[in-house]
Amino acid sequence: MNLFINTSDVKNFIKHGFEYKKSNDNKYNRLEYMIYCDGFDYMILIAEWTRGEKTALLKIEKEICEGISYMTLELPNVIYDLINKGLLKKG
């Protein structure tokens, strides 16, 4: 399942704890949300897009420890909150 954001909703994502960054030339945009798990592990939610794009793919990156051959990914509650508020679209 892919999750997409509407790039016009940046202010709403900032209200939900996302950090917003623009490149120096204003061509690239990025939303980032970091979640710490167990004190050492972390998960990052990232959306990147160029100027003019209406949607952007939300990537979920999780730190993987050495020696783990499989991993169960538990989606953070913020994902469900954003879907329920219409800020994320499944695709």
N, C-alpha and C. Protein backbone atom coordinates (compact mmCIF):
# COMPACT_ATOMS: atom_id res chain seq x y z
N MET A 1 0.84 -1.17 0.00
CA MET A 1 0.00 0.00 0.00
C MET A 1 0.89 1.23 0.00
N ASN A 2 0.59 2.18 -0.87
CA ASN A 2 1.30 3.45 -0.90
C ASN A 2 0.43 4.51 -0.23
N LEU A 3 1.07 5.45 0.43
CA LEU A 3 0.39 6.58 1.04
C LEU A 3 0.90 7.86 0.39
N PHE A 4 -0.03 8.73 0.00
CA PHE A 4 0.33 9.98 -0.66
C PHE A 4 -0.20 11.16 0.15
N ILE A 5 0.56 12.25 0.13
CA ILE A 5 0.11 13.48 0.77
C ILE A 5 -0.31 14.46 -0.32
N ASN A 6 -1.20 15.35 0.03
CA ASN A 6 -1.55 16.47 -0.83
C ASN A 6 -0.57 17.58 -0.45
N THR A 7 0.21 18.04 -1.40
CA THR A 7 1.27 19.00 -1.07
C THR A 7 0.73 20.36 -0.64
N SER A 8 -0.53 20.62 -0.86
CA SER A 8 -1.11 21.90 -0.40
C SER A 8 -1.47 21.87 1.08
N ASP A 9 -1.34 20.71 1.73
CA ASP A 9 -1.68 20.57 3.15
C ASP A 9 -0.48 20.70 4.09
N VAL A 10 0.58 21.35 3.66
CA VAL A 10 1.81 21.45 4.45
C VAL A 10 1.53 21.99 5.85
N LYS A 11 0.72 23.03 5.96
CA LYS A 11 0.45 23.63 7.28
C LYS A 11 -0.20 22.63 8.23
N ASN A 12 -1.08 21.78 7.72
CA ASN A 12 -1.71 20.77 8.56
C ASN A 12 -0.70 19.72 9.03
N PHE A 13 0.25 19.36 8.17
CA PHE A 13 1.28 18.40 8.59
C PHE A 13 2.18 19.01 9.66
N ILE A 14 2.49 20.29 9.52
CA ILE A 14 3.31 20.97 10.54
C ILE A 14 2.57 20.95 11.88
N LYS A 15 1.26 21.15 11.86
CA LYS A 15 0.46 21.10 13.10
C LYS A 15 0.52 19.72 13.74
N HIS A 16 0.74 18.67 12.94
CA HIS A 16 0.83 17.31 13.46
C HIS A 16 2.27 16.90 13.80
N GLY A 17 3.19 17.87 13.83
CA GLY A 17 4.54 17.59 14.28
C GLY A 17 5.57 17.38 13.19
N PHE A 18 5.21 17.52 11.92
CA PHE A 18 6.17 17.37 10.84
C PHE A 18 7.05 18.62 10.75
N GLU A 19 8.28 18.41 10.32
CA GLU A 19 9.20 19.52 10.06
C GLU A 19 9.22 19.76 8.56
N TYR A 20 9.10 21.01 8.15
CA TYR A 20 9.06 21.37 6.72
C TYR A 20 10.35 22.07 6.34
N LYS A 21 10.91 21.65 5.20
CA LYS A 21 12.15 22.25 4.71
C LYS A 21 12.01 22.52 3.21
N LYS A 22 12.64 23.60 2.77
CA LYS A 22 12.73 23.91 1.35
C LYS A 22 14.19 23.98 0.97
N SER A 23 14.51 23.63 -0.28
CA SER A 23 15.88 23.78 -0.74
C SER A 23 16.20 25.26 -0.94
N ASN A 24 17.46 25.58 -1.01
CA ASN A 24 17.87 26.98 -1.15
C ASN A 24 17.32 27.62 -2.42
N ASP A 25 17.15 26.83 -3.47
CA ASP A 25 16.64 27.38 -4.72
C ASP A 25 15.11 27.28 -4.84
N ASN A 26 14.44 26.84 -3.77
CA ASN A 26 12.97 26.71 -3.71
C ASN A 26 12.39 25.73 -4.72
N LYS A 27 13.19 24.81 -5.23
CA LYS A 27 12.69 23.82 -6.19
C LYS A 27 12.19 22.56 -5.50
N TYR A 28 12.77 22.24 -4.34
CA TYR A 28 12.46 20.99 -3.66
C TYR A 28 11.87 21.26 -2.28
N ASN A 29 10.89 20.45 -1.90
CA ASN A 29 10.23 20.56 -0.60
C ASN A 29 10.33 19.22 0.11
N ARG A 30 10.30 19.28 1.45
CA ARG A 30 10.41 18.04 2.23
C ARG A 30 9.67 18.21 3.54
N LEU A 31 8.88 17.18 3.86
CA LEU A 31 8.26 17.06 5.18
C LEU A 31 8.89 15.85 5.86
N GLU A 32 9.20 15.99 7.15
CA GLU A 32 9.84 14.90 7.87
C GLU A 32 9.28 14.81 9.27
N TYR A 33 9.08 13.58 9.73
CA TYR A 33 8.56 13.32 11.08
C TYR A 33 9.37 12.16 11.65
N MET A 34 10.01 12.35 12.78
CA MET A 34 10.82 11.30 13.39
C MET A 34 10.13 10.77 14.64
N ILE A 35 10.10 9.45 14.74
CA ILE A 35 9.48 8.77 15.88
C ILE A 35 10.54 7.89 16.53
N TYR A 36 10.76 8.09 17.82
CA TYR A 36 11.71 7.26 18.55
C TYR A 36 10.97 6.10 19.19
N CYS A 37 11.52 4.91 19.02
CA CYS A 37 10.92 3.69 19.58
C CYS A 37 11.96 3.05 20.50
N ASP A 38 11.58 2.61 21.64
CA ASP A 38 12.47 1.88 22.56
C ASP A 38 13.71 2.66 22.96
N GLY A 39 13.73 3.96 22.80
CA GLY A 39 14.86 4.76 23.21
C GLY A 39 16.02 4.79 22.22
N PHE A 40 16.22 3.73 21.41
CA PHE A 40 17.34 3.68 20.48
C PHE A 40 16.89 3.60 19.03
N ASP A 41 15.87 2.82 18.77
CA ASP A 41 15.37 2.66 17.41
C ASP A 41 14.56 3.89 17.02
N TYR A 42 14.45 4.10 15.73
CA TYR A 42 13.66 5.23 15.26
C TYR A 42 13.03 4.91 13.90
N MET A 43 12.00 5.66 13.59
CA MET A 43 11.30 5.56 12.32
C MET A 43 11.15 6.99 11.80
N ILE A 44 11.34 7.16 10.50
CA ILE A 44 11.20 8.49 9.89
C ILE A 44 10.14 8.42 8.80
N LEU A 45 9.22 9.38 8.83
CA LEU A 45 8.24 9.54 7.76
C LEU A 45 8.71 10.72 6.92
N ILE A 46 8.86 10.50 5.60
CA ILE A 46 9.42 11.53 4.72
C ILE A 46 8.57 11.66 3.46
N ALA A 47 8.28 12.88 3.09
CA ALA A 47 7.65 13.18 1.80
C ALA A 47 8.49 14.25 1.12
N GLU A 48 8.88 14.00 -0.13
CA GLU A 48 9.67 14.96 -0.88
C GLU A 48 9.00 15.20 -2.22
N TRP A 49 9.02 16.45 -2.68
CA TRP A 49 8.43 16.77 -3.98
C TRP A 49 9.07 18.03 -4.55
N THR A 50 8.88 18.19 -5.85
CA THR A 50 9.38 19.38 -6.51
C THR A 50 8.24 20.37 -6.67
N ARG A 51 8.59 21.61 -6.92
CA ARG A 51 7.61 22.67 -7.08
C ARG A 51 6.64 22.29 -8.20
N GLY A 52 5.37 22.47 -7.95
CA GLY A 52 4.34 22.17 -8.95
C GLY A 52 3.68 20.82 -8.81
N GLU A 53 4.28 19.89 -8.05
CA GLU A 53 3.67 18.58 -7.85
C GLU A 53 2.51 18.71 -6.87
N LYS A 54 1.40 18.06 -7.16
CA LYS A 54 0.20 18.14 -6.32
C LYS A 54 0.21 17.11 -5.20
N THR A 55 0.87 15.97 -5.42
CA THR A 55 0.95 14.92 -4.40
C THR A 55 2.40 14.46 -4.27
N ALA A 56 2.68 13.81 -3.14
CA ALA A 56 4.01 13.24 -2.89
C ALA A 56 3.85 11.94 -2.12
N LEU A 57 4.69 10.98 -2.44
CA LEU A 57 4.70 9.69 -1.76
C LEU A 57 5.27 9.87 -0.35
N LEU A 58 4.59 9.29 0.64
CA LEU A 58 5.09 9.29 2.01
C LEU A 58 5.91 8.02 2.20
N LYS A 59 7.21 8.19 2.46
CA LYS A 59 8.10 7.06 2.68
C LYS A 59 8.24 6.82 4.18
N ILE A 60 8.27 5.57 4.56
CA ILE A 60 8.47 5.19 5.96
C ILE A 60 9.81 4.46 6.03
N GLU A 61 10.76 5.05 6.74
CA GLU A 61 12.07 4.45 6.89
C GLU A 61 12.27 4.04 8.33
N LYS A 62 12.75 2.82 8.54
CA LYS A 62 12.95 2.27 9.89
C LYS A 62 14.38 1.79 10.00
N GLU A 63 15.01 2.12 11.11
CA GLU A 63 16.36 1.62 11.37
C GLU A 63 16.28 0.10 11.54
N ILE A 64 17.17 -0.61 10.88
CA ILE A 64 17.21 -2.07 11.00
C ILE A 64 18.54 -2.46 11.62
N CYS A 65 18.47 -3.20 12.72
CA CYS A 65 19.67 -3.64 13.42
C CYS A 65 20.32 -4.80 12.68
N GLU A 66 21.63 -4.91 12.83
CA GLU A 66 22.35 -6.02 12.20
C GLU A 66 21.89 -7.35 12.80
N GLY A 67 21.87 -8.37 11.97
CA GLY A 67 21.52 -9.70 12.43
C GLY A 67 20.03 -10.00 12.42
N ILE A 68 19.21 -9.04 12.04
CA ILE A 68 17.77 -9.28 11.97
C ILE A 68 17.44 -9.73 10.55
N SER A 69 16.81 -10.88 10.43
CA SER A 69 16.48 -11.38 9.09
C SER A 69 15.05 -11.03 8.68
N TYR A 70 14.22 -10.58 9.62
CA TYR A 70 12.87 -10.14 9.29
C TYR A 70 12.49 -9.04 10.27
N MET A 71 11.45 -8.32 9.90
CA MET A 71 11.03 -7.22 10.75
C MET A 71 9.53 -7.03 10.62
N THR A 72 8.86 -6.81 11.72
CA THR A 72 7.46 -6.45 11.71
C THR A 72 7.37 -4.94 11.87
N LEU A 73 6.77 -4.30 10.91
CA LEU A 73 6.67 -2.85 10.94
C LEU A 73 5.33 -2.46 11.52
N GLU A 74 5.38 -1.77 12.63
CA GLU A 74 4.17 -1.26 13.27
C GLU A 74 4.01 0.20 12.88
N LEU A 75 2.91 0.51 12.21
CA LEU A 75 2.69 1.88 11.79
C LEU A 75 2.38 2.76 12.99
N PRO A 76 2.99 3.92 13.04
CA PRO A 76 2.74 4.82 14.18
C PRO A 76 1.32 5.40 14.11
N ASN A 77 0.80 5.77 15.25
CA ASN A 77 -0.56 6.31 15.33
C ASN A 77 -0.75 7.56 14.48
N VAL A 78 0.32 8.31 14.26
CA VAL A 78 0.18 9.53 13.47
C VAL A 78 -0.29 9.20 12.05
N ILE A 79 0.08 8.05 11.52
CA ILE A 79 -0.38 7.64 10.18
C ILE A 79 -1.89 7.52 10.17
N TYR A 80 -2.46 6.83 11.16
CA TYR A 80 -3.91 6.65 11.22
C TYR A 80 -4.62 7.98 11.43
N ASP A 81 -4.04 8.85 12.26
CA ASP A 81 -4.63 10.18 12.47
C ASP A 81 -4.67 10.97 11.17
N LEU A 82 -3.59 10.92 10.40
CA LEU A 82 -3.53 11.67 9.15
C LEU A 82 -4.49 11.11 8.11
N ILE A 83 -4.65 9.79 8.07
CA ILE A 83 -5.63 9.18 7.15
C ILE A 83 -7.04 9.59 7.54
N ASN A 84 -7.35 9.52 8.83
CA ASN A 84 -8.70 9.87 9.30
C ASN A 84 -9.04 11.34 9.04
N LYS A 85 -8.04 12.21 9.06
CA LYS A 85 -8.29 13.63 8.82
C LYS A 85 -8.22 13.98 7.33
N GLY A 86 -8.00 12.97 6.49
CA GLY A 86 -7.97 13.20 5.05
C GLY A 86 -6.66 13.76 4.53
N LEU A 87 -5.61 13.75 5.34
CA LEU A 87 -4.34 14.31 4.91
C LEU A 87 -3.49 13.29 4.14
N LEU A 88 -3.74 12.01 4.34
CA LEU A 88 -3.05 10.96 3.58
C LEU A 88 -4.08 10.22 2.75
N LYS A 89 -3.68 9.88 1.55
CA LYS A 89 -4.53 9.12 0.63
C LYS A 89 -3.85 7.80 0.34
N LYS A 90 -4.60 6.71 0.39
CA LYS A 90 -4.06 5.40 0.03
C LYS A 90 -4.09 5.27 -1.48
N GLY A 91 -3.05 4.64 -2.01
CA GLY A 91 -3.00 4.48 -3.47
C GLY A 91 -2.41 3.18 -3.89
